Amino acid sequence: MRQSIAIDMDQVLANMYKKMVVTINGILGTTYTEEEFLKTSRQQLTMEQEKELFIALNEPSYFRDFELLEPDAIDVVRELNERYDIYIATAAMEVPGCFTAKYDWLREHFPFLNPQHFVFCGNKAVIHTDFLIDDNPRQLRAFKGTGLLFDMPYNAHVDEFERVHGWQGVREYFLKVDVLK
């Protein structure tokens, strides 16, 4: 029986923050670079600014034109798909307008994946795969399998999970796991 891997979408496959920093800069009137924004994560917004951000994120096409976080993601996921059952587990409940755009984005960039394995969820405790690759330690804490923390500047302080550095790091981790089987 094949093992299974769930992969987060935003900031693991898709570069959400590149577009988010433009949106936040527009709302706040700031000039954050993507690097500055990644280090501080999401700023403390007023209630009115949160509403503006919620409206922007729920535009039907907002999530549709994200760039890949790393070009290697496609090749590594394709390789993993040959040996593992791959699921995409993306937190989508806080932004209900994103479903179609996220689905279309995944079909465009990962047409070789089974769309029946796309999971739109909130808390990833509902995911029952062997592994979860995620940038959010909160999601990994809720997960029951082996959690892999996808390295980001905003999670640098977290040391409770094995960390993977980019998609080459993911490839190396799973090559090592295959050898241990």
N, C-alpha and C. Protein backbone atom coordinates (compact mmCIF):
# COMPACT_ATOMS: atom_id res chain seq x y z
N MET A 1 0.84 -1.19 0.00
CA MET A 1 0.00 0.00 0.00
C MET A 1 0.88 1.25 0.00
N ARG A 2 0.57 2.18 -0.88
CA ARG A 2 1.35 3.41 -0.99
C ARG A 2 1.08 4.34 0.19
N GLN A 3 2.13 5.04 0.62
CA GLN A 3 1.94 6.06 1.63
C GLN A 3 1.38 7.31 0.95
N SER A 4 0.90 8.24 1.77
CA SER A 4 0.26 9.43 1.23
C SER A 4 0.88 10.70 1.81
N ILE A 5 0.85 11.73 1.00
CA ILE A 5 1.40 13.04 1.37
C ILE A 5 0.34 14.10 1.08
N ALA A 6 0.05 14.93 2.07
CA ALA A 6 -0.78 16.12 1.85
C ALA A 6 0.16 17.31 1.75
N ILE A 7 -0.12 18.17 0.80
CA ILE A 7 0.71 19.35 0.56
C ILE A 7 -0.16 20.59 0.65
N ASP A 8 0.27 21.54 1.45
CA ASP A 8 -0.41 22.83 1.55
C ASP A 8 -0.22 23.58 0.23
N MET A 9 -1.13 24.48 -0.08
CA MET A 9 -1.02 25.25 -1.31
C MET A 9 -0.33 26.59 -1.10
N ASP A 10 -0.89 27.45 -0.25
CA ASP A 10 -0.42 28.83 -0.12
C ASP A 10 0.91 28.88 0.65
N GLN A 11 1.90 29.46 0.02
CA GLN A 11 3.27 29.61 0.53
C GLN A 11 4.02 28.29 0.63
N VAL A 12 3.50 27.26 -0.03
CA VAL A 12 4.22 26.01 -0.20
C VAL A 12 4.29 25.70 -1.70
N LEU A 13 3.16 25.72 -2.36
CA LEU A 13 3.12 25.57 -3.82
C LEU A 13 2.98 26.94 -4.50
N ALA A 14 2.09 27.75 -3.99
CA ALA A 14 1.76 29.03 -4.62
C ALA A 14 2.31 30.20 -3.80
N ASN A 15 2.81 31.19 -4.50
CA ASN A 15 3.35 32.38 -3.84
C ASN A 15 2.21 33.36 -3.55
N MET A 16 1.54 33.12 -2.45
CA MET A 16 0.42 33.98 -2.05
C MET A 16 0.91 35.35 -1.60
N TYR A 17 2.04 35.38 -0.90
CA TYR A 17 2.50 36.64 -0.31
C TYR A 17 2.95 37.66 -1.34
N LYS A 18 3.36 37.22 -2.51
CA LYS A 18 3.76 38.19 -3.53
C LYS A 18 2.57 39.10 -3.89
N LYS A 19 1.41 38.51 -4.03
CA LYS A 19 0.22 39.30 -4.34
C LYS A 19 -0.34 39.94 -3.07
N MET A 20 -0.24 39.24 -1.95
CA MET A 20 -0.78 39.76 -0.69
C MET A 20 -0.07 41.06 -0.29
N VAL A 21 1.24 41.14 -0.50
CA VAL A 21 1.96 42.36 -0.11
C VAL A 21 1.48 43.55 -0.94
N VAL A 22 1.16 43.34 -2.19
CA VAL A 22 0.62 44.41 -3.03
C VAL A 22 -0.73 44.84 -2.48
N THR A 23 -1.56 43.88 -2.11
CA THR A 23 -2.89 44.17 -1.56
C THR A 23 -2.76 44.94 -0.25
N ILE A 24 -1.92 44.45 0.66
CA ILE A 24 -1.72 45.10 1.96
C ILE A 24 -1.16 46.51 1.78
N ASN A 25 -0.19 46.65 0.89
CA ASN A 25 0.37 47.99 0.64
C ASN A 25 -0.72 48.94 0.16
N GLY A 26 -1.62 48.44 -0.68
CA GLY A 26 -2.72 49.28 -1.15
C GLY A 26 -3.67 49.69 -0.03
N ILE A 27 -3.94 48.76 0.88
CA ILE A 27 -4.85 49.03 1.99
C ILE A 27 -4.21 49.97 3.01
N LEU A 28 -2.95 49.70 3.35
CA LEU A 28 -2.27 50.46 4.40
C LEU A 28 -1.55 51.71 3.89
N GLY A 29 -1.34 51.78 2.57
CA GLY A 29 -0.56 52.88 2.02
C GLY A 29 0.92 52.73 2.35
N THR A 30 1.37 51.48 2.50
CA THR A 30 2.76 51.20 2.82
C THR A 30 3.52 50.76 1.57
N THR A 31 4.81 50.53 1.72
CA THR A 31 5.63 50.10 0.59
C THR A 31 6.47 48.87 0.98
N TYR A 32 5.87 47.95 1.71
CA TYR A 32 6.60 46.74 2.08
C TYR A 32 7.08 46.00 0.85
N THR A 33 8.29 45.47 0.92
CA THR A 33 8.74 44.52 -0.09
C THR A 33 8.23 43.15 0.33
N GLU A 34 8.30 42.19 -0.57
CA GLU A 34 7.87 40.84 -0.22
C GLU A 34 8.73 40.29 0.92
N GLU A 35 10.03 40.55 0.89
CA GLU A 35 10.93 40.06 1.94
C GLU A 35 10.57 40.66 3.30
N GLU A 36 10.30 41.97 3.34
CA GLU A 36 9.90 42.61 4.60
C GLU A 36 8.58 42.03 5.10
N PHE A 37 7.66 41.83 4.18
CA PHE A 37 6.35 41.31 4.54
C PHE A 37 6.45 39.88 5.07
N LEU A 38 7.30 39.06 4.44
CA LEU A 38 7.48 37.69 4.90
C LEU A 38 8.05 37.63 6.31
N LYS A 39 8.93 38.56 6.64
CA LYS A 39 9.53 38.56 7.98
C LYS A 39 8.53 38.98 9.04
N THR A 40 7.62 39.85 8.71
CA THR A 40 6.66 40.34 9.70
C THR A 40 5.34 39.60 9.63
N SER A 41 5.15 38.80 8.58
CA SER A 41 3.90 38.12 8.32
C SER A 41 2.79 39.17 8.17
N ARG A 42 1.56 38.79 8.47
CA ARG A 42 0.47 39.73 8.27
C ARG A 42 0.48 40.80 9.36
N GLN A 43 0.34 42.02 8.95
CA GLN A 43 0.36 43.15 9.88
C GLN A 43 -0.92 43.20 10.70
N GLN A 44 -0.85 43.90 11.82
CA GLN A 44 -2.06 44.14 12.61
C GLN A 44 -2.90 45.18 11.88
N LEU A 45 -4.03 44.76 11.41
CA LEU A 45 -4.90 45.65 10.65
C LEU A 45 -6.06 46.10 11.53
N THR A 46 -6.57 47.28 11.25
CA THR A 46 -7.76 47.73 11.94
C THR A 46 -8.94 46.90 11.43
N MET A 47 -10.07 46.98 12.10
CA MET A 47 -11.24 46.22 11.68
C MET A 47 -11.66 46.61 10.26
N GLU A 48 -11.59 47.90 9.95
CA GLU A 48 -11.94 48.37 8.61
C GLU A 48 -10.96 47.81 7.57
N GLN A 49 -9.67 47.80 7.89
CA GLN A 49 -8.67 47.26 6.97
C GLN A 49 -8.84 45.75 6.79
N GLU A 50 -9.19 45.05 7.87
CA GLU A 50 -9.47 43.61 7.77
C GLU A 50 -10.63 43.36 6.82
N LYS A 51 -11.66 44.20 6.90
CA LYS A 51 -12.81 44.06 5.99
C LYS A 51 -12.36 44.26 4.54
N GLU A 52 -11.54 45.29 4.31
CA GLU A 52 -11.02 45.53 2.95
C GLU A 52 -10.24 44.33 2.44
N LEU A 53 -9.39 43.77 3.31
CA LEU A 53 -8.60 42.62 2.92
C LEU A 53 -9.50 41.42 2.64
N PHE A 54 -10.49 41.19 3.48
CA PHE A 54 -11.42 40.08 3.29
C PHE A 54 -12.13 40.20 1.94
N ILE A 55 -12.57 41.41 1.62
CA ILE A 55 -13.25 41.64 0.33
C ILE A 55 -12.30 41.35 -0.83
N ALA A 56 -11.06 41.83 -0.73
CA ALA A 56 -10.08 41.60 -1.80
C ALA A 56 -9.80 40.11 -1.96
N LEU A 57 -9.56 39.40 -0.86
CA LEU A 57 -9.24 37.98 -0.93
C LEU A 57 -10.40 37.15 -1.46
N ASN A 58 -11.62 37.62 -1.28
CA ASN A 58 -12.79 36.88 -1.74
C ASN A 58 -13.21 37.23 -3.16
N GLU A 59 -12.46 38.09 -3.81
CA GLU A 59 -12.74 38.31 -5.23
C GLU A 59 -12.56 36.97 -5.94
N PRO A 60 -13.47 36.59 -6.81
CA PRO A 60 -13.41 35.25 -7.40
C PRO A 60 -12.08 34.89 -8.08
N SER A 61 -11.35 35.87 -8.56
CA SER A 61 -10.11 35.55 -9.29
C SER A 61 -8.85 35.81 -8.47
N TYR A 62 -8.98 36.25 -7.22
CA TYR A 62 -7.79 36.67 -6.46
C TYR A 62 -6.71 35.58 -6.41
N PHE A 63 -7.08 34.36 -6.14
CA PHE A 63 -6.11 33.28 -5.99
C PHE A 63 -5.72 32.65 -7.32
N ARG A 64 -6.32 33.08 -8.39
CA ARG A 64 -6.13 32.42 -9.69
C ARG A 64 -4.77 32.68 -10.33
N ASP A 65 -4.20 33.87 -10.12
CA ASP A 65 -2.98 34.22 -10.85
C ASP A 65 -1.72 34.21 -9.99
N PHE A 66 -1.73 33.48 -8.89
CA PHE A 66 -0.52 33.36 -8.09
C PHE A 66 0.58 32.70 -8.91
N GLU A 67 1.81 33.13 -8.65
CA GLU A 67 2.96 32.47 -9.26
C GLU A 67 3.28 31.23 -8.44
N LEU A 68 3.99 30.30 -9.04
CA LEU A 68 4.53 29.18 -8.28
C LEU A 68 5.51 29.74 -7.26
N LEU A 69 5.54 29.16 -6.09
CA LEU A 69 6.52 29.59 -5.09
C LEU A 69 7.93 29.30 -5.59
N GLU A 70 8.14 28.11 -6.13
CA GLU A 70 9.42 27.71 -6.72
C GLU A 70 9.14 26.90 -7.98
N PRO A 71 9.89 27.13 -9.04
CA PRO A 71 9.67 26.37 -10.28
C PRO A 71 9.84 24.86 -10.09
N ASP A 72 10.70 24.44 -9.15
CA ASP A 72 10.94 23.01 -8.91
C ASP A 72 9.73 22.28 -8.36
N ALA A 73 8.76 23.00 -7.84
CA ALA A 73 7.61 22.37 -7.20
C ALA A 73 6.93 21.38 -8.14
N ILE A 74 6.73 21.75 -9.37
CA ILE A 74 6.01 20.88 -10.31
C ILE A 74 6.76 19.56 -10.51
N ASP A 75 8.06 19.63 -10.78
CA ASP A 75 8.83 18.41 -11.02
C ASP A 75 8.88 17.52 -9.78
N VAL A 76 9.07 18.12 -8.61
CA VAL A 76 9.15 17.32 -7.38
C VAL A 76 7.80 16.68 -7.08
N VAL A 77 6.72 17.42 -7.19
CA VAL A 77 5.40 16.85 -6.94
C VAL A 77 5.11 15.74 -7.95
N ARG A 78 5.51 15.92 -9.20
CA ARG A 78 5.32 14.88 -10.21
C ARG A 78 6.08 13.61 -9.80
N GLU A 79 7.33 13.77 -9.37
CA GLU A 79 8.12 12.62 -8.91
C GLU A 79 7.46 11.93 -7.72
N LEU A 80 7.03 12.72 -6.74
CA LEU A 80 6.38 12.15 -5.56
C LEU A 80 5.10 11.42 -5.93
N ASN A 81 4.39 11.95 -6.91
CA ASN A 81 3.12 11.37 -7.35
C ASN A 81 3.32 9.96 -7.93
N GLU A 82 4.52 9.65 -8.38
CA GLU A 82 4.80 8.32 -8.91
C GLU A 82 4.92 7.28 -7.79
N ARG A 83 5.24 7.72 -6.56
CA ARG A 83 5.49 6.79 -5.46
C ARG A 83 4.50 6.92 -4.31
N TYR A 84 3.80 8.06 -4.22
CA TYR A 84 2.91 8.34 -3.10
C TYR A 84 1.55 8.79 -3.63
N ASP A 85 0.54 8.65 -2.81
CA ASP A 85 -0.75 9.26 -3.11
C ASP A 85 -0.65 10.71 -2.64
N ILE A 86 -0.80 11.63 -3.56
CA ILE A 86 -0.64 13.05 -3.26
C ILE A 86 -2.00 13.71 -3.11
N TYR A 87 -2.14 14.47 -2.03
CA TYR A 87 -3.32 15.27 -1.76
C TYR A 87 -2.89 16.71 -1.60
N ILE A 88 -3.71 17.62 -2.05
CA ILE A 88 -3.49 19.03 -1.79
C ILE A 88 -4.50 19.43 -0.72
N ALA A 89 -3.97 19.88 0.42
CA ALA A 89 -4.83 20.26 1.55
C ALA A 89 -4.64 21.76 1.77
N THR A 90 -5.62 22.51 1.34
CA THR A 90 -5.50 23.97 1.42
C THR A 90 -6.58 24.54 2.33
N ALA A 91 -6.14 25.36 3.26
CA ALA A 91 -7.08 26.03 4.16
C ALA A 91 -7.87 27.04 3.34
N ALA A 92 -9.16 26.87 3.31
CA ALA A 92 -9.99 27.72 2.45
C ALA A 92 -11.24 28.24 3.14
N MET A 93 -11.48 27.83 4.36
CA MET A 93 -12.74 28.18 5.02
C MET A 93 -12.82 29.66 5.39
N GLU A 94 -11.67 30.28 5.65
CA GLU A 94 -11.69 31.71 6.01
C GLU A 94 -11.90 32.60 4.80
N VAL A 95 -11.69 32.04 3.62
CA VAL A 95 -11.83 32.81 2.37
C VAL A 95 -12.69 31.98 1.41
N PRO A 96 -14.00 31.93 1.65
CA PRO A 96 -14.85 31.04 0.85
C PRO A 96 -14.92 31.40 -0.63
N GLY A 97 -14.54 32.61 -0.99
CA GLY A 97 -14.56 32.99 -2.40
C GLY A 97 -13.42 32.40 -3.21
N CYS A 98 -12.50 31.68 -2.57
CA CYS A 98 -11.29 31.22 -3.24
C CYS A 98 -11.40 29.86 -3.90
N PHE A 99 -12.46 29.10 -3.65
CA PHE A 99 -12.51 27.72 -4.09
C PHE A 99 -12.26 27.52 -5.58
N THR A 100 -13.01 28.19 -6.41
CA THR A 100 -12.87 27.99 -7.85
C THR A 100 -11.50 28.42 -8.34
N ALA A 101 -11.01 29.57 -7.86
CA ALA A 101 -9.70 30.05 -8.29
C ALA A 101 -8.59 29.09 -7.88
N LYS A 102 -8.66 28.58 -6.65
CA LYS A 102 -7.64 27.63 -6.20
C LYS A 102 -7.71 26.33 -7.01
N TYR A 103 -8.92 25.85 -7.24
CA TYR A 103 -9.09 24.64 -8.04
C TYR A 103 -8.52 24.84 -9.44
N ASP A 104 -8.86 25.95 -10.08
CA ASP A 104 -8.36 26.23 -11.43
C ASP A 104 -6.83 26.36 -11.44
N TRP A 105 -6.28 27.01 -10.41
CA TRP A 105 -4.82 27.17 -10.32
C TRP A 105 -4.14 25.80 -10.22
N LEU A 106 -4.68 24.95 -9.37
CA LEU A 106 -4.11 23.61 -9.20
C LEU A 106 -4.21 22.80 -10.50
N ARG A 107 -5.33 22.88 -11.18
CA ARG A 107 -5.49 22.13 -12.44
C ARG A 107 -4.52 22.64 -13.51
N GLU A 108 -4.26 23.95 -13.51
CA GLU A 108 -3.31 24.50 -14.49
C GLU A 108 -1.89 24.05 -14.20
N HIS A 109 -1.46 24.17 -12.97
CA HIS A 109 -0.06 23.91 -12.64
C HIS A 109 0.24 22.44 -12.33
N PHE A 110 -0.74 21.69 -11.91
CA PHE A 110 -0.54 20.28 -11.53
C PHE A 110 -1.61 19.40 -12.20
N PRO A 111 -1.69 19.43 -13.54
CA PRO A 111 -2.75 18.70 -14.22
C PRO A 111 -2.64 17.18 -14.05
N PHE A 112 -1.49 16.69 -13.62
CA PHE A 112 -1.26 15.27 -13.43
C PHE A 112 -1.82 14.76 -12.09
N LEU A 113 -2.23 15.68 -11.21
CA LEU A 113 -2.81 15.27 -9.93
C LEU A 113 -4.29 14.98 -10.06
N ASN A 114 -4.77 14.07 -9.25
CA ASN A 114 -6.19 13.73 -9.25
C ASN A 114 -6.97 14.83 -8.53
N PRO A 115 -7.86 15.54 -9.22
CA PRO A 115 -8.61 16.61 -8.56
C PRO A 115 -9.51 16.10 -7.43
N GLN A 116 -9.77 14.80 -7.39
CA GLN A 116 -10.52 14.22 -6.28
C GLN A 116 -9.69 14.23 -4.99
N HIS A 117 -8.40 14.54 -5.13
CA HIS A 117 -7.49 14.61 -3.98
C HIS A 117 -7.23 16.06 -3.55
N PHE A 118 -8.02 17.00 -4.03
CA PHE A 118 -7.92 18.39 -3.58
C PHE A 118 -8.87 18.55 -2.40
N VAL A 119 -8.33 18.94 -1.26
CA VAL A 119 -9.12 19.07 -0.04
C VAL A 119 -9.14 20.53 0.39
N PHE A 120 -10.31 21.12 0.39
CA PHE A 120 -10.50 22.49 0.86
C PHE A 120 -11.02 22.40 2.28
N CYS A 121 -10.22 22.84 3.22
CA CYS A 121 -10.57 22.63 4.62
C CYS A 121 -10.22 23.86 5.46
N GLY A 122 -10.44 23.73 6.74
CA GLY A 122 -10.02 24.73 7.71
C GLY A 122 -8.89 24.14 8.51
N ASN A 123 -9.22 23.46 9.59
CA ASN A 123 -8.25 22.79 10.44
C ASN A 123 -7.81 21.49 9.77
N LYS A 124 -6.52 21.31 9.61
CA LYS A 124 -6.02 20.14 8.89
C LYS A 124 -5.95 18.88 9.75
N ALA A 125 -6.55 18.92 10.94
CA ALA A 125 -6.67 17.71 11.74
C ALA A 125 -7.53 16.68 11.01
N VAL A 126 -8.35 17.14 10.06
CA VAL A 126 -9.21 16.23 9.30
C VAL A 126 -8.44 15.47 8.23
N ILE A 127 -7.20 15.85 7.99
CA ILE A 127 -6.38 15.21 6.96
C ILE A 127 -5.72 13.97 7.56
N HIS A 128 -5.93 12.83 6.92
CA HIS A 128 -5.38 11.57 7.44
C HIS A 128 -4.42 10.95 6.43
N THR A 129 -3.38 11.70 6.11
CA THR A 129 -2.32 11.18 5.25
C THR A 129 -1.14 10.81 6.16
N ASP A 130 -0.14 10.19 5.58
CA ASP A 130 1.05 9.84 6.35
C ASP A 130 1.91 11.06 6.64
N PHE A 131 1.96 12.01 5.69
CA PHE A 131 2.78 13.20 5.82
C PHE A 131 1.95 14.44 5.47
N LEU A 132 2.32 15.57 6.06
CA LEU A 132 1.76 16.87 5.69
C LEU A 132 2.92 17.84 5.56
N ILE A 133 3.02 18.50 4.42
CA ILE A 133 4.00 19.55 4.19
C ILE A 133 3.26 20.87 4.28
N ASP A 134 3.62 21.71 5.25
CA ASP A 134 2.89 22.95 5.50
C ASP A 134 3.85 23.98 6.08
N ASP A 135 3.58 25.25 5.82
CA ASP A 135 4.39 26.34 6.40
C ASP A 135 3.82 26.83 7.72
N ASN A 136 2.66 26.33 8.11
CA ASN A 136 1.97 26.81 9.30
C ASN A 136 2.10 25.79 10.44
N PRO A 137 2.86 26.12 11.48
CA PRO A 137 3.01 25.17 12.58
C PRO A 137 1.70 24.82 13.27
N ARG A 138 0.76 25.73 13.29
CA ARG A 138 -0.55 25.45 13.89
C ARG A 138 -1.23 24.29 13.17
N GLN A 139 -1.15 24.27 11.85
CA GLN A 139 -1.75 23.17 11.09
C GLN A 139 -1.00 21.86 11.35
N LEU A 140 0.32 21.94 11.46
CA LEU A 140 1.10 20.73 11.72
C LEU A 140 0.82 20.17 13.11
N ARG A 141 0.58 21.05 14.07
CA ARG A 141 0.26 20.60 15.44
C ARG A 141 -1.05 19.82 15.47
N ALA A 142 -1.99 20.19 14.63
CA ALA A 142 -3.30 19.52 14.60
C ALA A 142 -3.24 18.20 13.84
N PHE A 143 -2.27 18.06 12.97
CA PHE A 143 -2.13 16.89 12.10
C PHE A 143 -1.61 15.69 12.89
N LYS A 144 -2.12 14.49 12.60
CA LYS A 144 -1.75 13.29 13.35
C LYS A 144 -0.57 12.52 12.76
N GLY A 145 -0.23 12.75 11.51
CA GLY A 145 0.88 12.02 10.88
C GLY A 145 2.20 12.74 11.09
N THR A 146 3.12 12.54 10.16
CA THR A 146 4.43 13.19 10.21
C THR A 146 4.33 14.55 9.55
N GLY A 147 4.54 15.59 10.33
CA GLY A 147 4.47 16.96 9.81
C GLY A 147 5.84 17.46 9.41
N LEU A 148 5.92 18.06 8.23
CA LEU A 148 7.15 18.66 7.73
C LEU A 148 6.90 20.15 7.57
N LEU A 149 7.73 20.94 8.24
CA LEU A 149 7.57 22.39 8.20
C LEU A 149 8.31 22.94 6.99
N PHE A 150 7.55 23.53 6.07
CA PHE A 150 8.14 24.15 4.89
C PHE A 150 8.74 25.48 5.34
N ASP A 151 10.03 25.62 5.19
CA ASP A 151 10.78 26.74 5.74
C ASP A 151 10.34 28.08 5.15
N MET A 152 10.03 29.01 6.06
CA MET A 152 9.71 30.40 5.72
C MET A 152 10.29 31.29 6.81
N PRO A 153 10.62 32.53 6.48
CA PRO A 153 11.16 33.43 7.51
C PRO A 153 10.25 33.57 8.73
N TYR A 154 8.95 33.56 8.53
CA TYR A 154 8.02 33.75 9.64
C TYR A 154 7.86 32.51 10.52
N ASN A 155 8.41 31.36 10.12
CA ASN A 155 8.34 30.19 11.00
C ASN A 155 9.74 29.76 11.48
N ALA A 156 10.72 30.64 11.32
CA ALA A 156 12.11 30.32 11.68
C ALA A 156 12.27 29.97 13.15
N HIS A 157 11.43 30.50 14.01
CA HIS A 157 11.52 30.26 15.45
C HIS A 157 10.97 28.90 15.88
N VAL A 158 10.31 28.20 14.98
CA VAL A 158 9.67 26.92 15.31
C VAL A 158 10.68 25.79 15.15
N ASP A 159 10.82 24.98 16.20
CA ASP A 159 11.79 23.89 16.13
C ASP A 159 11.20 22.53 16.48
N GLU A 160 9.88 22.42 16.48
CA GLU A 160 9.26 21.16 16.90
C GLU A 160 8.97 20.19 15.76
N PHE A 161 9.26 20.61 14.51
CA PHE A 161 9.01 19.75 13.35
C PHE A 161 10.27 19.67 12.51
N GLU A 162 10.38 18.59 11.77
CA GLU A 162 11.47 18.52 10.80
C GLU A 162 11.18 19.58 9.74
N ARG A 163 12.20 20.30 9.37
CA ARG A 163 12.07 21.42 8.44
C ARG A 163 12.58 21.00 7.07
N VAL A 164 11.83 21.37 6.03
CA VAL A 164 12.31 21.16 4.66
C VAL A 164 12.54 22.53 4.04
N HIS A 165 13.68 22.64 3.38
CA HIS A 165 14.09 23.92 2.78
C HIS A 165 13.82 23.87 1.29
N GLY A 166 12.67 24.39 0.91
CA GLY A 166 12.31 24.46 -0.50
C GLY A 166 11.98 23.10 -1.07
N TRP A 167 11.71 23.10 -2.36
CA TRP A 167 11.28 21.86 -3.01
C TRP A 167 12.40 20.87 -3.21
N GLN A 168 13.64 21.34 -3.31
CA GLN A 168 14.76 20.40 -3.35
C GLN A 168 14.90 19.71 -1.99
N GLY A 169 14.63 20.44 -0.92
CA GLY A 169 14.63 19.84 0.41
C GLY A 169 13.55 18.79 0.57
N VAL A 170 12.39 19.04 -0.02
CA VAL A 170 11.31 18.05 -0.01
C VAL A 170 11.76 16.80 -0.75
N ARG A 171 12.35 16.99 -1.93
CA ARG A 171 12.84 15.85 -2.73
C ARG A 171 13.84 15.03 -1.91
N GLU A 172 14.80 15.70 -1.29
CA GLU A 172 15.82 15.01 -0.50
C GLU A 172 15.20 14.25 0.67
N TYR A 173 14.25 14.86 1.35
CA TYR A 173 13.59 14.20 2.49
C TYR A 173 12.94 12.89 2.03
N PHE A 174 12.18 12.94 0.96
CA PHE A 174 11.44 11.76 0.54
C PHE A 174 12.34 10.73 -0.15
N LEU A 175 13.46 11.14 -0.72
CA LEU A 175 14.43 10.16 -1.21
C LEU A 175 15.00 9.38 -0.02
N LYS A 176 15.28 10.08 1.07
CA LYS A 176 15.79 9.46 2.30
C LYS A 176 14.74 8.51 2.88
N VAL A 177 13.47 8.93 2.91
CA VAL A 177 12.39 8.09 3.43
C VAL A 177 12.26 6.83 2.60
N ASP A 178 12.37 6.95 1.26
CA ASP A 178 12.28 5.78 0.38
C ASP A 178 13.38 4.77 0.69
N VAL A 179 14.57 5.25 0.98
CA VAL A 179 15.70 4.38 1.28
C VAL A 179 15.45 3.62 2.59
N LEU A 180 14.76 4.28 3.53
CA LEU A 180 14.51 3.68 4.84
C LEU A 180 13.38 2.66 4.82
N LYS A 181 12.58 2.63 3.77
CA LYS A 181 11.43 1.70 3.71
C LYS A 181 11.91 0.26 3.64
